Amino acid sequence: MRPLSLCLDDGAARPWFLWNEDLSVDELRARLAGDDADERDRLLALLLREANDREVWRFVRPQDVADALPRLQRRLGVRRAPFWNFLIEQWRRDGYVA
């Protein structure tokens, strides 16, 4: 496996939060944008659960998270699910996401 890296600007680096996946930054972006809905949801849940919330936006748009959140609830865990629900609900009220 590639070593973990804090540098998310290096497309070949393996992000620090993918401690159990051997994917590069570029590979993660490609899979999150890919056609396999199950893989997208799996990786998005992993991203929301493991990454720093500010780093999430380097890979997906807020609307992507808002759209997927109902499907991802059980994968986020008891600490992360309330955070993402609160954030997206606030952004809905403020008109940032539909």
Protein backbone atom coordinates (compact mmCIF):
# COMPACT_ATOMS: atom_id res chain seq x y z
CA MET A 1 0.00 0.00 0.00
CA ARG A 2 1.08 3.55 -0.63
CA PRO A 3 1.98 5.63 2.41
CA LEU A 4 -0.65 8.00 3.78
CA SER A 5 -0.25 11.68 2.98
CA LEU A 6 -1.58 14.98 4.30
CA CYS A 7 -1.11 16.55 0.85
CA LEU A 8 -4.44 16.55 -0.97
CA ASP A 9 -2.98 18.64 -3.81
CA ASP A 10 -0.89 15.70 -5.04
CA GLY A 11 -3.13 13.56 -7.24
CA ALA A 12 -0.91 10.51 -6.80
CA ALA A 13 -0.86 10.70 -3.00
CA ARG A 14 -3.00 8.50 -0.79
CA PRO A 15 -5.13 10.75 1.47
CA TRP A 16 -4.53 10.40 5.19
CA PHE A 17 -8.19 9.55 5.84
CA LEU A 18 -8.13 6.52 3.51
CA TRP A 19 -6.26 4.47 6.08
CA ASN A 20 -8.06 1.31 4.94
CA GLU A 21 -8.14 1.99 1.18
CA ASP A 22 -5.22 2.14 -1.24
CA LEU A 23 -6.60 4.93 -3.46
CA SER A 24 -4.90 8.09 -4.62
CA VAL A 25 -6.52 11.53 -4.53
CA ASP A 26 -7.16 11.28 -8.28
CA GLU A 27 -8.59 7.75 -8.01
CA LEU A 28 -10.92 8.85 -5.21
CA ARG A 29 -12.16 11.80 -7.27
CA ALA A 30 -12.74 9.56 -10.29
CA ARG A 31 -14.71 6.99 -8.30
CA LEU A 32 -16.80 9.68 -6.61
CA ALA A 33 -17.66 11.00 -10.08
CA GLY A 34 -18.12 7.55 -11.62
CA ASP A 35 -21.18 5.65 -12.76
CA ASP A 36 -21.20 3.00 -10.01
CA ALA A 37 -23.77 4.36 -7.53
CA ASP A 38 -22.95 1.79 -4.82
CA GLU A 39 -19.23 2.60 -4.99
CA ARG A 40 -19.96 6.35 -4.94
CA ASP A 41 -22.12 5.98 -1.83
CA ARG A 42 -19.57 3.74 -0.12
CA LEU A 43 -16.73 6.18 -0.73
CA LEU A 44 -18.81 9.26 0.06
CA ALA A 45 -19.82 7.72 3.39
CA LEU A 46 -16.17 6.92 4.10
CA LEU A 47 -15.21 10.50 3.21
CA LEU A 48 -17.91 12.00 5.45
CA ARG A 49 -17.02 9.67 8.29
CA GLU A 50 -13.22 9.85 8.19
CA ALA A 51 -12.10 13.13 6.58
CA ASN A 52 -12.03 16.55 8.13
CA ASP A 53 -15.24 18.35 7.13
CA ARG A 54 -13.27 21.12 5.38
CA GLU A 55 -11.50 18.51 3.26
CA VAL A 56 -14.76 16.94 2.08
CA TRP A 57 -15.43 19.93 -0.19
CA ARG A 58 -12.23 19.24 -2.11
CA PHE A 59 -13.90 16.08 -3.45
CA VAL A 60 -17.66 16.73 -3.61
CA ARG A 61 -20.15 19.59 -3.74
CA PRO A 62 -22.52 20.39 -0.87
CA GLN A 63 -25.46 19.41 -3.07
CA ASP A 64 -23.87 15.98 -3.64
CA VAL A 65 -23.83 15.45 0.12
CA ALA A 66 -27.39 16.75 0.54
CA ASP A 67 -28.67 14.40 -2.18
CA ALA A 68 -26.90 11.34 -0.80
CA LEU A 69 -27.37 11.94 2.92
CA PRO A 70 -30.66 10.01 3.27
CA ARG A 71 -28.98 6.94 1.75
CA LEU A 72 -25.84 7.27 3.87
CA GLN A 73 -27.29 7.68 7.38
CA ARG A 74 -26.54 4.15 8.59
CA ARG A 75 -22.98 4.31 7.26
CA LEU A 76 -21.98 7.53 9.03
CA GLY A 77 -22.02 6.40 12.64
CA VAL A 78 -23.55 7.91 15.74
CA ARG A 79 -21.16 10.87 15.92
CA ARG A 80 -20.93 11.92 12.27
CA ALA A 81 -24.55 11.51 11.14
CA PRO A 82 -25.91 14.25 13.46
CA PHE A 83 -23.16 16.65 12.34
CA TRP A 84 -23.90 16.20 8.62
CA ASN A 85 -27.66 16.31 9.18
CA PHE A 86 -27.34 19.57 11.11
CA LEU A 87 -25.02 21.14 8.54
CA ILE A 88 -27.11 20.22 5.51
CA GLU A 89 -30.37 21.27 7.22
CA GLN A 90 -28.88 24.67 8.03
CA TRP A 91 -27.67 25.06 4.46
CA ARG A 92 -31.15 24.14 3.18
CA ARG A 93 -32.67 26.87 5.35
CA ASP A 94 -30.10 29.34 4.07
CA GLY A 95 -30.67 28.32 0.45
CA TYR A 96 -27.20 26.91 -0.21
CA VAL A 97 -28.57 23.46 -1.14
CA ALA A 98 -31.95 22.29 -2.40
